[in-house]
Amino acid sequence: MLGQWLDWSLDGQLPACRKGAFASGTYHLHAPGILELTPNAASPDAHACIFSAAIHGNETAPVELLGEWLSGLEAGAVTLGAPVLVILGNLPALKAQQRFITTNLNRLFNRELDAKGEEPDRARELMTTVDDFYARHSGLPKLHYDLHTAIRDSHYPRFVVAPFSETATEATQWGWLAAADMQAVLHQHQHSWTFSHYSKHYHAAQAFTFELGRVAAFGHNNMASLKPMRALLTALSEGRSPANQPTAPMPFFQVQHELIRQSTDFQLCFAEDTANFSRFEPGTLLAQDGEAGDFRVADTPLYVVFPNANVEVGARAALLVAPVA
């Protein structure tokens, strides 16, 4: 059954029987792309876990990763010891193998959202799903790992974005992420209304956005590089403490500035294939905008992350970051 879940989700249909059992727990198909797993016996160390993927439809490696983990669960190689909500976010975009249909779903997770359309409707459905899941498991610590891949190469192919929130990140999380072979951490500097930010901001969950390599089509992802990440998901789903490693090799960055596209007359002043975490020296011209004017690096070098000049007017075209302790 679990192995067929992706096909059912992409078809936008649910089987006649939406609930069932496997060796170590039960499943409930709440809606296309929304699967809840409940253990027969929860471990004392269990978290209420949310694993999400395909918030952008062309990011297939996380979908394959969750598929491998679910196959292990169904085969009995993984024993469920924690409640887990598994989400595939933008199903029409996943089926079309494109980033989104009309607008970026990963900017819509705000309870004050009033926009209309397919992606805003899906954002509201997913926010309600998260609220209900955490309410059902209010006695457990909350966790949300939102799994992505980046649209370009990176000097750190596997990195983590920590959403801005008043909720502190537990020190153990950094050791878990280091053991999962995450190569860098980026701290957001303000509210960003991403899916992981939603869980951290509204539910005080330990929540992160994971960038697990570069976008590729199904069957063309380097899944071997994600074995440590799969081990982390497996440990959490089994309700046990994951592997822990020193964080010294993992650099931390903080967002210093967001480049926002203010007009149709906008361009980034560096090569389109510039890798994430590329460094720019003081005085370098990074962007020109018909309304906002030029943006140059000031006195301290900056590194660029997620550059994309082709965003909608008013949307973020790049993050500019600097190393922090």
Protein backbone atom coordinates (compact mmCIF):
# COMPACT_ATOMS: atom_id res chain seq x y z
CA MET A 1 0.00 0.00 0.00
CA LEU A 2 2.62 2.56 1.01
CA GLY A 3 4.47 1.89 -2.23
CA GLN A 4 1.37 2.92 -4.22
CA TRP A 5 0.85 6.16 -2.31
CA LEU A 6 2.80 8.32 -4.78
CA ASP A 7 0.78 7.02 -7.74
CA TRP A 8 -2.50 7.68 -5.94
CA SER A 9 -1.32 11.16 -5.00
CA LEU A 10 -0.32 12.08 -8.55
CA ASP A 11 -3.64 10.78 -9.87
CA GLY A 12 -5.42 13.03 -7.37
CA GLN A 13 -7.47 10.08 -6.18
CA LEU A 14 -7.79 8.07 -3.01
CA PRO A 15 -8.51 4.34 -2.80
CA ALA A 16 -11.85 3.20 -1.44
CA CYS A 17 -10.14 2.13 1.80
CA ARG A 18 -8.20 5.07 3.21
CA LYS A 19 -7.05 3.39 6.43
CA GLY A 20 -5.07 0.24 7.03
CA ALA A 21 -2.29 -1.46 8.94
CA PHE A 22 1.28 -2.61 8.42
CA ALA A 23 3.65 -4.51 10.70
CA SER A 24 4.46 -1.72 13.17
CA GLY A 25 1.55 0.70 12.82
CA THR A 26 -1.42 2.03 10.93
CA TYR A 27 -1.84 4.47 8.06
CA HIS A 28 -4.49 7.05 7.19
CA LEU A 29 -4.73 8.72 3.79
CA HIS A 30 -6.23 12.08 4.70
CA ALA A 31 -6.13 13.53 1.18
CA PRO A 32 -3.99 13.21 -1.97
CA GLY A 33 -0.40 13.73 -0.90
CA ILE A 34 -1.18 13.64 2.83
CA LEU A 35 -0.38 10.40 4.68
CA GLU A 36 -0.39 9.93 8.46
CA LEU A 37 1.40 7.01 10.11
CA THR A 38 0.69 6.00 13.72
CA PRO A 39 2.86 3.48 15.59
CA ASN A 40 1.43 0.51 17.42
CA ALA A 41 3.66 1.51 20.32
CA ALA A 42 5.35 4.91 20.53
CA SER A 43 8.91 5.08 21.80
CA PRO A 44 9.66 7.16 24.94
CA ASP A 45 11.94 9.35 22.77
CA ALA A 46 9.38 9.87 20.00
CA HIS A 47 8.73 13.22 18.32
CA ALA A 48 5.62 14.23 16.40
CA CYS A 49 7.38 14.22 13.02
CA ILE A 50 6.43 15.91 9.76
CA PHE A 51 8.43 14.97 6.65
CA SER A 52 7.42 17.01 3.60
CA ALA A 53 8.62 17.15 0.01
CA ALA A 54 7.55 18.44 -3.42
CA ILE A 55 6.56 21.86 -2.14
CA HIS A 56 8.25 22.65 -5.45
CA GLY A 57 7.18 20.12 -8.05
CA ASN A 58 10.49 19.67 -9.88
CA GLU A 59 12.43 18.66 -6.76
CA THR A 60 12.35 14.88 -7.06
CA ALA A 61 15.22 13.59 -4.89
CA PRO A 62 13.28 14.14 -1.63
CA VAL A 63 10.29 12.29 -3.10
CA GLU A 64 12.54 9.33 -3.97
CA LEU A 65 14.11 9.53 -0.51
CA LEU A 66 10.72 9.34 1.20
CA GLY A 67 9.77 6.52 -1.16
CA GLU A 68 12.80 4.50 -0.08
CA TRP A 69 12.01 5.12 3.58
CA LEU A 70 8.34 4.15 3.14
CA SER A 71 9.36 0.96 1.32
CA GLY A 72 11.55 0.05 4.28
CA LEU A 73 8.66 0.72 6.62
CA GLU A 74 6.25 -1.45 4.64
CA ALA A 75 8.83 -4.26 4.32
CA GLY A 76 9.44 -4.24 8.08
CA ALA A 77 13.06 -3.08 7.78
CA VAL A 78 12.00 0.10 9.62
CA THR A 79 9.86 -0.17 12.76
CA LEU A 80 7.57 2.80 13.32
CA GLY A 81 8.00 4.21 16.81
CA ALA A 82 6.74 7.78 16.35
CA PRO A 83 3.74 9.43 14.69
CA VAL A 84 4.74 10.75 11.26
CA LEU A 85 2.85 13.00 8.86
CA VAL A 86 4.18 12.64 5.29
CA ILE A 87 3.29 15.39 2.83
CA LEU A 88 3.78 15.85 -0.90
CA GLY A 89 3.00 19.52 -1.36
CA ASN A 90 2.37 20.71 -4.90
CA LEU A 91 0.90 17.69 -6.69
CA PRO A 92 -0.02 19.35 -10.01
CA ALA A 93 3.50 20.80 -10.27
CA LEU A 94 5.03 17.42 -9.34
CA LYS A 95 2.99 15.74 -12.04
CA ALA A 96 4.03 18.42 -14.57
CA GLN A 97 7.65 18.30 -13.34
CA GLN A 98 7.82 22.07 -12.89
CA ARG A 99 8.55 24.29 -9.92
CA PHE A 100 5.00 25.62 -9.51
CA ILE A 101 1.84 26.14 -11.55
CA THR A 102 0.88 29.77 -10.91
CA THR A 103 2.84 30.95 -7.86
CA ASN A 104 5.52 29.75 -5.44
CA LEU A 105 3.78 27.59 -2.83
CA ASN A 106 6.70 28.01 -0.42
CA ARG A 107 5.88 31.69 0.20
CA LEU A 108 2.24 31.17 1.17
CA PHE A 109 2.30 29.55 4.63
CA ASN A 110 0.82 32.47 6.54
CA ARG A 111 -2.45 32.24 8.47
CA GLU A 112 -3.43 35.65 7.12
CA LEU A 113 -3.23 34.39 3.52
CA ASP A 114 -6.24 35.61 1.53
CA ALA A 115 -5.07 34.96 -2.03
CA LYS A 116 -7.20 32.78 -4.29
CA GLY A 117 -6.06 29.98 -6.59
CA GLU A 118 -4.83 26.41 -6.62
CA GLU A 119 -1.60 26.97 -4.71
CA PRO A 120 -3.11 29.26 -2.05
CA ASP A 121 -5.87 26.68 -1.52
CA ARG A 122 -3.25 23.95 -1.11
CA ALA A 123 -1.31 26.11 1.37
CA ARG A 124 -4.44 26.52 3.49
CA GLU A 125 -5.12 22.77 3.35
CA LEU A 126 -1.57 21.96 4.44
CA MET A 127 -1.61 24.53 7.26
CA THR A 128 -4.81 23.00 8.64
CA THR A 129 -3.32 19.51 8.29
CA VAL A 130 -0.24 20.53 10.28
CA ASP A 131 -2.38 22.20 12.95
CA ASP A 132 -4.53 19.10 13.37
CA PHE A 133 -1.56 16.71 13.47
CA TYR A 134 0.26 18.64 16.17
CA ALA A 135 -3.01 18.97 18.15
CA ARG A 136 -3.44 15.20 18.09
CA HIS A 137 0.08 14.75 19.47
CA SER A 138 0.30 17.76 21.76
CA GLY A 139 2.23 15.82 24.40
CA LEU A 140 5.19 15.12 22.09
CA PRO A 141 8.01 17.43 20.99
CA LYS A 142 7.30 18.75 17.51
CA LEU A 143 9.58 18.39 14.50
CA HIS A 144 9.27 19.30 10.81
CA TYR A 145 11.84 18.53 8.10
CA ASP A 146 10.89 20.06 4.75
CA LEU A 147 12.97 18.44 2.01
CA HIS A 148 14.01 20.28 -1.16
CA THR A 149 16.67 20.42 -3.85
CA ALA A 150 18.16 23.66 -5.23
CA ILE A 151 17.82 24.87 -8.81
CA ARG A 152 21.59 25.44 -9.20
CA ASP A 153 24.95 24.06 -8.12
CA SER A 154 26.30 24.96 -4.70
CA HIS A 155 29.66 25.14 -2.97
CA TYR A 156 27.78 23.23 -0.23
CA PRO A 157 25.47 20.85 -2.17
CA ARG A 158 23.61 19.75 0.98
CA PHE A 159 22.70 22.56 3.35
CA VAL A 160 20.02 23.52 5.84
CA VAL A 161 17.98 26.71 6.14
CA ALA A 162 16.95 27.49 9.73
CA PRO A 163 13.77 29.63 9.69
CA PHE A 164 13.58 32.87 11.66
CA SER A 165 11.61 32.45 14.89
CA GLU A 166 11.65 33.20 18.58
CA THR A 167 11.85 29.45 19.12
CA ALA A 168 15.46 28.48 19.76
CA THR A 169 17.02 25.57 17.90
CA GLU A 170 17.97 22.75 20.24
CA ALA A 171 21.71 22.13 20.29
CA THR A 172 21.19 18.42 19.59
CA GLN A 173 19.69 19.27 16.20
CA TRP A 174 23.01 20.62 14.90
CA GLY A 175 24.76 17.38 15.80
CA TRP A 176 22.04 15.36 14.08
CA LEU A 177 22.35 17.50 10.95
CA ALA A 178 26.13 17.15 10.92
CA ALA A 179 25.78 13.36 11.17
CA ALA A 180 23.29 13.49 8.26
CA ASP A 181 26.11 15.00 6.16
CA MET A 182 24.64 18.49 5.93
CA GLN A 183 27.51 20.71 4.81
CA ALA A 184 26.34 24.17 5.91
CA VAL A 185 23.60 25.97 7.83
CA LEU A 186 21.92 29.22 6.80
CA HIS A 187 20.01 31.24 9.41
CA GLN A 188 17.11 33.30 8.12
CA HIS A 189 16.94 36.88 9.44
CA GLN A 190 13.19 37.53 9.24
CA HIS A 191 9.84 35.83 8.71
CA SER A 192 9.78 34.12 5.32
CA TRP A 193 6.43 32.21 5.31
CA THR A 194 7.95 28.98 4.07
CA PHE A 195 6.51 25.62 5.12
CA SER A 196 9.18 24.91 7.73
CA HIS A 197 8.82 28.47 9.04
CA TYR A 198 5.09 27.82 9.53
CA SER A 199 5.74 24.92 11.93
CA LYS A 200 8.45 26.79 13.81
CA HIS A 201 6.62 30.12 14.03
CA TYR A 202 3.11 28.92 14.85
CA HIS A 203 3.89 25.64 16.67
CA ALA A 204 7.38 26.16 18.16
CA ALA A 205 8.56 23.03 16.33
CA GLN A 206 12.15 22.19 15.58
CA ALA A 207 11.89 22.88 11.85
CA PHE A 208 14.26 23.24 8.91
CA THR A 209 14.30 23.47 5.14
CA PHE A 210 16.80 20.97 3.69
CA GLU A 211 18.49 21.49 0.31
CA LEU A 212 19.59 18.00 -0.76
CA GLY A 213 21.60 18.63 -3.91
CA ARG A 214 20.46 19.97 -7.27
CA VAL A 215 17.16 19.57 -9.08
CA ALA A 216 17.02 16.52 -11.38
CA ALA A 217 14.37 14.35 -13.00
CA PHE A 218 13.12 11.16 -11.37
CA GLY A 219 15.73 8.43 -11.67
CA HIS A 220 18.62 10.87 -12.13
CA ASN A 221 19.30 11.81 -8.51
CA ASN A 222 22.42 10.87 -6.57
CA MET A 223 20.62 8.92 -3.87
CA ALA A 224 23.88 7.47 -2.47
CA SER A 225 24.79 10.93 -1.14
CA LEU A 226 21.50 10.99 0.81
CA LYS A 227 22.05 7.78 2.77
CA PRO A 228 22.98 9.72 5.95
CA MET A 229 19.80 11.79 5.57
CA ARG A 230 17.76 8.63 5.18
CA ALA A 231 19.37 7.31 8.36
CA LEU A 232 18.23 10.47 10.17
CA LEU A 233 14.65 10.10 8.96
CA THR A 234 14.69 6.41 9.88
CA ALA A 235 15.91 7.08 13.42
CA LEU A 236 13.29 9.75 14.01
CA SER A 237 10.49 7.60 12.61
CA GLU A 238 11.61 4.75 14.88
CA GLY A 239 11.47 7.10 17.86
CA ARG A 240 15.12 6.80 18.78
CA SER A 241 17.93 9.34 19.07
CA PRO A 242 19.73 9.84 15.74
CA ALA A 243 23.48 9.73 15.24
CA ASN A 244 25.32 12.81 16.50
CA GLN A 245 28.57 14.32 15.20
CA PRO A 246 30.63 17.43 15.99
CA THR A 247 29.50 20.51 14.10
CA ALA A 248 32.96 22.06 13.62
CA PRO A 249 33.24 21.16 9.89
CA MET A 250 29.77 22.65 9.17
CA PRO A 251 29.94 26.43 8.54
CA PHE A 252 27.06 28.65 9.66
CA PHE A 253 25.82 31.67 7.71
CA GLN A 254 23.37 34.48 8.49
CA VAL A 255 21.26 36.35 5.95
CA GLN A 256 22.39 39.98 5.77
CA HIS A 257 20.20 41.25 2.95
CA GLU A 258 17.44 40.15 0.59
CA LEU A 259 17.51 41.32 -3.01
CA ILE A 260 13.89 41.99 -3.96
CA ARG A 261 12.83 42.47 -7.55
CA GLN A 262 11.02 45.82 -7.47
CA SER A 263 10.34 46.30 -11.19
CA THR A 264 10.24 44.54 -14.55
CA ASP A 265 13.52 46.35 -15.34
CA PHE A 266 15.65 44.11 -13.11
CA GLN A 267 18.79 42.06 -13.54
CA LEU A 268 21.39 40.26 -11.47
CA CYS A 269 24.88 41.35 -12.47
CA PHE A 270 26.62 37.99 -12.38
CA ALA A 271 26.52 34.81 -14.44
CA GLU A 272 23.24 32.93 -14.50
CA ASP A 273 25.00 29.69 -13.49
CA THR A 274 26.66 31.22 -10.39
CA ALA A 275 26.67 28.59 -7.64
CA ASN A 276 25.05 29.05 -4.24
CA PHE A 277 27.49 30.40 -1.63
CA SER A 278 29.64 32.15 -4.26
CA ARG A 279 31.60 35.01 -2.66
CA PHE A 280 31.54 38.64 -3.81
CA GLU A 281 34.03 41.24 -2.64
CA PRO A 282 33.27 44.80 -1.41
CA GLY A 283 32.27 47.14 -4.22
CA THR A 284 30.90 44.42 -6.52
CA LEU A 285 27.73 45.37 -8.38
CA LEU A 286 25.21 42.57 -7.74
CA ALA A 287 21.88 43.87 -9.04
CA GLN A 288 20.28 46.67 -11.04
CA ASP A 289 16.62 47.57 -10.68
CA GLY A 290 14.68 50.27 -12.53
CA GLU A 291 12.94 51.22 -9.30
CA ALA A 292 15.30 50.27 -6.45
CA GLY A 293 18.51 51.23 -8.29
CA ASP A 294 21.88 49.50 -8.02
CA PHE A 295 22.97 47.20 -5.22
CA ARG A 296 26.69 46.89 -4.44
CA VAL A 297 28.49 44.90 -1.77
CA ALA A 298 29.46 47.26 1.07
CA ASP A 299 32.50 46.86 3.32
CA THR A 300 32.22 43.13 4.07
CA PRO A 301 32.25 40.27 1.52
CA LEU A 302 28.89 38.63 0.91
CA TYR A 303 27.89 35.20 -0.39
CA VAL A 304 24.89 34.72 -2.67
CA VAL A 305 22.26 32.00 -2.11
CA PHE A 306 19.17 31.19 -4.20
CA PRO A 307 19.78 33.77 -6.95
CA ASN A 308 16.94 33.87 -9.48
CA ALA A 309 16.32 36.99 -11.55
CA ASN A 310 13.15 35.55 -13.10
CA VAL A 311 10.96 35.80 -10.01
CA GLU A 312 7.72 37.78 -9.88
CA VAL A 313 7.93 41.52 -9.18
CA GLY A 314 7.95 41.90 -5.40
CA ALA A 315 9.54 38.50 -4.85
CA ARG A 316 13.00 37.64 -3.55
CA ALA A 317 15.67 37.40 -6.24
CA ALA A 318 18.58 36.38 -3.97
CA LEU A 319 19.75 36.07 -0.39
CA LEU A 320 23.05 37.70 0.54
CA VAL A 321 24.69 36.02 3.50
CA ALA A 322 27.82 36.17 5.66
CA PRO A 323 29.56 33.65 7.95
CA VAL A 324 28.71 33.67 11.66
CA ALA A 325 29.98 31.74 14.65
